[in-house]
Amino acid sequence: MKNSDIISRTWHGSALEVNILFSGAGIAQQIAISNTYGIILVDTGDGTLRDLRANDIDRRKIAGILFTHGHFDHMGGLHTLLGYLRMIGRKQDLPIILPVDCLEVISTVDNFQDFYGDTIPFKITPYEAGPEETFEIAGMVIDSYAMVHCGSIEGENVLDQIPSLGYRITCDGEMVAVSGDTGDCPELRELVADVDLAVIEATYEKSADATPEELAKVHLSEDLAIEIGALAKEYILVHKGRR
């Protein structure tokens, strides 16, 4: 497959399937992880609904949503997705797991519910999670891990750290880890160690392209992500920036 800044790729395991619908740093990221019972979305960047349709993924089988953090390129498509699920008359509850104080997601859900009120035919159940919590959605066990991620604006210094999580999803003994955006930290290496597939961001092309502070607090470089990915049985690098 051609290596590009925007990655679409599918991985098939024995119990889990991973479909990286779209991943481009500063643009959007959305990942679908599924088993025979349903689909979990990890992040809903702009265009999530379009990418689900383009990849022929049944939107009615979405069992829940996990958010790694609240930056626009990871949650910008949430309102549209909720609107679609309302339009098609979804009935089952929609659990949404997000980091504690992830205000971008919280405000989007609150705004949607305030505006549409009792015309929403399904219950949205957001839960603000901390690290080292465990959940189950559609037969998939989800463990949360603390990640380190700071905001950044081109031409500005590294900004304050924001709430962020990585997730390990397990089904029938098979494990998939998703880092979200993160700097290098011990929890990241713990997250990906020995999993069947690790999905790891690699925003910077080379370590030389970033400062030590950026690599520790903001994003990974491709060479560093490869080093960390080697801790897993297989890995896919995503969220690449300009090359």
Protein backbone atom coordinates (compact mmCIF):
# COMPACT_ATOMS: atom_id res chain seq x y z
CA MET A 1 0.00 0.00 0.00
CA LYS A 2 1.24 3.49 -0.81
CA ASN A 3 2.56 5.31 2.23
CA SER A 4 0.75 8.62 2.46
CA ASP A 5 -0.03 11.31 4.99
CA ILE A 6 -3.65 10.17 5.13
CA ILE A 7 -3.90 6.49 5.94
CA SER A 8 -6.82 4.13 5.36
CA ARG A 9 -6.03 0.58 6.32
CA THR A 10 -7.74 -2.55 7.62
CA TRP A 11 -6.35 -5.23 9.94
CA HIS A 12 -8.10 -8.55 10.46
CA GLY A 13 -7.46 -10.60 13.58
CA SER A 14 -9.18 -13.73 14.83
CA ALA A 15 -11.69 -11.85 17.02
CA LEU A 16 -11.24 -8.19 16.14
CA GLU A 17 -11.14 -6.11 12.97
CA VAL A 18 -9.55 -2.67 12.85
CA ASN A 19 -10.47 -0.20 10.13
CA ILE A 20 -8.51 3.04 10.13
CA LEU A 21 -11.08 5.13 8.33
CA PHE A 22 -8.96 8.26 8.08
CA SER A 23 -5.91 9.63 9.84
CA GLY A 24 -4.12 12.86 9.09
CA ALA A 25 -2.53 15.07 11.74
CA GLY A 26 -4.43 18.31 12.15
CA ILE A 27 -7.18 17.11 9.81
CA ALA A 28 -9.10 14.16 11.26
CA GLN A 29 -8.79 10.73 12.79
CA GLN A 30 -11.42 8.02 13.15
CA ILE A 31 -10.86 4.32 13.79
CA ALA A 32 -13.47 1.55 13.81
CA ILE A 33 -12.81 -1.58 15.89
CA SER A 34 -15.35 -4.36 15.53
CA ASN A 35 -16.21 -7.91 16.48
CA THR A 36 -19.24 -10.07 15.69
CA TYR A 37 -21.41 -8.09 18.12
CA GLY A 38 -20.77 -4.49 17.14
CA ILE A 39 -18.46 -1.59 16.37
CA ILE A 40 -16.56 0.76 18.65
CA LEU A 41 -15.38 4.05 17.18
CA VAL A 42 -12.16 5.49 18.56
CA ASP A 43 -12.40 9.24 17.92
CA THR A 44 -14.73 10.93 15.45
CA GLY A 45 -12.83 13.51 13.46
CA ASP A 46 -14.44 15.56 10.72
CA GLY A 47 -15.89 13.31 8.02
CA THR A 48 -16.51 10.29 10.24
CA LEU A 49 -19.99 9.67 8.82
CA ARG A 50 -18.69 9.99 5.25
CA ASP A 51 -15.82 7.59 5.95
CA LEU A 52 -18.08 5.00 7.59
CA ARG A 53 -20.23 5.02 4.46
CA ALA A 54 -17.23 4.96 2.11
CA ASN A 55 -15.87 1.89 3.91
CA ASP A 56 -19.28 0.18 3.80
CA ILE A 57 -19.49 -0.02 7.60
CA ASP A 58 -22.99 -0.49 9.01
CA ARG A 59 -23.65 2.65 11.07
CA ARG A 60 -26.48 0.85 12.91
CA LYS A 61 -23.92 -1.48 14.50
CA ILE A 62 -22.03 1.30 16.30
CA ALA A 63 -22.10 0.16 19.92
CA GLY A 64 -20.09 2.99 21.51
CA ILE A 65 -17.50 5.72 21.06
CA LEU A 66 -14.14 6.21 22.77
CA PHE A 67 -12.38 9.57 22.71
CA THR A 68 -8.64 9.80 23.23
CA HIS A 69 -8.80 13.60 23.72
CA GLY A 70 -10.76 16.63 22.68
CA HIS A 71 -8.77 18.26 19.90
CA PHE A 72 -10.88 19.20 16.88
CA ASP A 73 -9.29 16.65 14.56
CA HIS A 74 -10.39 13.84 16.90
CA MET A 75 -13.95 14.92 17.70
CA GLY A 76 -15.07 17.35 14.98
CA GLY A 77 -17.48 14.85 13.40
CA LEU A 78 -19.37 13.97 16.60
CA HIS A 79 -22.35 16.30 16.15
CA THR A 80 -22.94 15.09 12.59
CA LEU A 81 -22.76 11.44 13.64
CA LEU A 82 -25.23 11.99 16.49
CA GLY A 83 -27.55 13.78 14.09
CA TYR A 84 -27.43 10.86 11.68
CA LEU A 85 -28.18 8.32 14.42
CA ARG A 86 -31.16 10.45 15.46
CA MET A 87 -32.36 10.64 11.86
CA ILE A 88 -32.32 6.85 11.36
CA GLY A 89 -34.20 6.33 14.61
CA ARG A 90 -31.54 4.54 16.64
CA LYS A 91 -33.07 2.97 19.76
CA GLN A 92 -30.21 1.44 21.76
CA ASP A 93 -28.19 3.48 24.25
CA LEU A 94 -24.97 5.04 22.99
CA PRO A 95 -22.15 4.94 25.57
CA ILE A 96 -19.43 7.54 25.08
CA ILE A 97 -16.19 7.21 27.04
CA LEU A 98 -13.96 10.27 27.25
CA PRO A 99 -11.15 11.59 29.45
CA VAL A 100 -12.16 13.45 32.59
CA ASP A 101 -12.74 17.15 31.79
CA CYS A 102 -12.64 16.61 28.03
CA LEU A 103 -14.71 19.75 27.61
CA GLU A 104 -14.93 19.72 23.81
CA VAL A 105 -16.79 16.41 23.77
CA ILE A 106 -18.88 17.22 26.85
CA SER A 107 -20.06 20.53 25.37
CA THR A 108 -20.90 18.92 22.00
CA VAL A 109 -23.03 16.22 23.63
CA ASP A 110 -24.72 18.76 25.92
CA ASN A 111 -25.46 21.07 23.00
CA PHE A 112 -26.93 18.22 20.93
CA GLN A 113 -29.16 17.06 23.77
CA ASP A 114 -30.26 20.58 24.71
CA PHE A 115 -31.19 21.43 21.14
CA TYR A 116 -33.04 18.23 20.19
CA GLY A 117 -34.42 17.38 23.62
CA ASP A 118 -36.92 14.56 23.77
CA THR A 119 -36.87 14.03 19.98
CA ILE A 120 -33.66 11.98 20.37
CA PRO A 121 -34.89 8.36 20.25
CA PHE A 122 -31.82 6.92 21.99
CA LYS A 123 -30.06 7.64 25.27
CA ILE A 124 -26.55 9.11 25.13
CA THR A 125 -24.55 8.03 28.16
CA PRO A 126 -21.22 9.87 28.41
CA TYR A 127 -18.74 8.73 31.03
CA GLU A 128 -15.65 10.70 32.01
CA ALA A 129 -12.92 8.11 32.55
CA GLY A 130 -9.61 8.25 34.28
CA PRO A 131 -6.65 5.95 33.67
CA GLU A 132 -6.73 2.33 34.81
CA GLU A 133 -10.48 1.94 34.37
CA THR A 134 -12.17 -0.99 32.63
CA PHE A 135 -15.35 -1.03 30.56
CA GLU A 136 -17.17 -3.47 28.31
CA ILE A 137 -18.99 -2.60 25.11
CA ALA A 138 -20.34 -5.20 22.66
CA GLY A 139 -18.26 -7.99 24.17
CA MET A 140 -15.06 -5.92 23.94
CA VAL A 141 -13.23 -5.16 27.18
CA ILE A 142 -11.68 -1.68 27.22
CA ASP A 143 -8.86 -0.59 29.52
CA SER A 144 -7.82 3.05 29.73
CA TYR A 145 -4.24 4.29 30.04
CA ALA A 146 -2.96 7.77 30.89
CA MET A 147 -1.24 9.45 27.95
CA VAL A 148 0.73 12.71 27.87
CA HIS A 149 -0.49 15.23 25.31
CA CYS A 150 -0.15 18.99 25.19
CA GLY A 151 -1.74 21.38 22.78
CA SER A 152 0.36 23.17 20.20
CA ILE A 153 -0.11 25.93 17.65
CA GLU A 154 2.34 26.38 14.79
CA GLY A 155 4.79 29.08 15.68
CA GLU A 156 3.86 29.00 19.37
CA ASN A 157 5.46 27.24 22.32
CA VAL A 158 4.11 23.97 23.69
CA LEU A 159 0.81 24.66 25.42
CA ASP A 160 -0.67 23.16 28.58
CA GLN A 161 -1.32 19.45 28.92
CA ILE A 162 -4.86 18.34 28.11
CA PRO A 163 -6.81 15.27 29.34
CA SER A 164 -5.90 12.31 27.14
CA LEU A 165 -6.18 8.54 27.23
CA GLY A 166 -4.99 5.54 25.26
CA TYR A 167 -7.13 2.42 25.07
CA ARG A 168 -6.51 -1.31 24.99
CA ILE A 169 -9.41 -3.30 23.54
CA THR A 170 -9.58 -7.06 24.21
CA CYS A 171 -11.87 -9.71 22.76
CA ASP A 172 -11.44 -13.48 23.13
CA GLY A 173 -7.82 -13.00 24.19
CA GLU A 174 -6.93 -10.78 21.22
CA MET A 175 -5.72 -7.25 22.04
CA VAL A 176 -5.59 -4.00 20.10
CA ALA A 177 -4.05 -0.80 21.51
CA VAL A 178 -4.72 2.73 20.27
CA SER A 179 -2.38 5.44 21.53
CA GLY A 180 -4.21 8.56 20.42
CA ASP A 181 -1.90 11.58 20.32
CA THR A 182 0.83 11.39 22.94
CA GLY A 183 4.40 12.13 23.78
CA ASP A 184 6.70 9.32 24.85
CA CYS A 185 5.81 8.12 28.34
CA PRO A 186 6.06 4.85 30.33
CA GLU A 187 2.28 4.33 30.12
CA LEU A 188 2.45 4.31 26.33
CA ARG A 189 4.97 1.50 26.34
CA GLU A 190 2.86 -0.39 28.86
CA LEU A 191 -0.21 0.12 26.67
CA VAL A 192 1.33 -1.42 23.55
CA ALA A 193 3.48 -4.16 25.12
CA ASP A 194 2.62 -7.61 23.74
CA VAL A 195 -0.66 -6.60 22.10
CA ASP A 196 -1.62 -8.18 18.79
CA LEU A 197 -1.88 -4.79 17.08
CA ALA A 198 -0.78 -1.33 18.20
CA VAL A 199 -2.10 1.74 16.38
CA ILE A 200 0.44 4.48 17.13
CA GLU A 201 0.56 8.09 16.05
CA ALA A 202 3.69 9.32 14.27
CA THR A 203 3.13 12.99 13.58
CA TYR A 204 6.76 14.03 13.11
CA GLU A 205 8.76 12.45 10.30
CA LYS A 206 12.00 12.25 12.29
CA SER A 207 13.08 12.91 15.86
CA ALA A 208 15.37 15.60 14.47
CA ASP A 209 12.27 17.48 13.29
CA ALA A 210 11.06 18.03 16.87
CA THR A 211 12.45 19.27 20.14
CA PRO A 212 12.88 16.87 23.09
CA GLU A 213 10.02 18.69 24.82
CA GLU A 214 7.71 18.10 21.85
CA LEU A 215 8.59 14.40 21.70
CA ALA A 216 7.97 14.02 25.43
CA LYS A 217 4.76 16.06 25.64
CA VAL A 218 3.10 16.57 22.27
CA HIS A 219 3.64 13.98 19.52
CA LEU A 220 5.83 11.04 18.52
CA SER A 221 8.22 10.94 15.60
CA GLU A 222 8.08 8.09 13.12
CA ASP A 223 11.37 6.56 14.25
CA LEU A 224 10.31 6.73 17.90
CA ALA A 225 6.88 5.26 17.07
CA ILE A 226 8.57 2.36 15.25
CA GLU A 227 10.72 1.69 18.31
CA ILE A 228 7.63 1.64 20.53
CA GLY A 229 5.62 -0.37 17.99
CA ALA A 230 8.23 -3.12 18.17
CA LEU A 231 6.89 -3.89 21.66
CA ALA A 232 3.69 -5.17 20.01
CA LYS A 233 3.28 -8.16 17.72
CA GLU A 234 2.19 -5.86 14.88
CA TYR A 235 1.80 -2.11 14.58
CA ILE A 236 0.39 0.51 12.27
CA LEU A 237 1.58 4.12 12.26
CA VAL A 238 -1.10 6.75 11.82
CA HIS A 239 -1.75 10.49 12.16
CA LYS A 240 1.25 11.43 10.09
CA GLY A 241 1.88 15.09 9.52
CA ARG A 242 3.37 16.78 6.47
CA ARG A 243 6.16 14.71 4.90
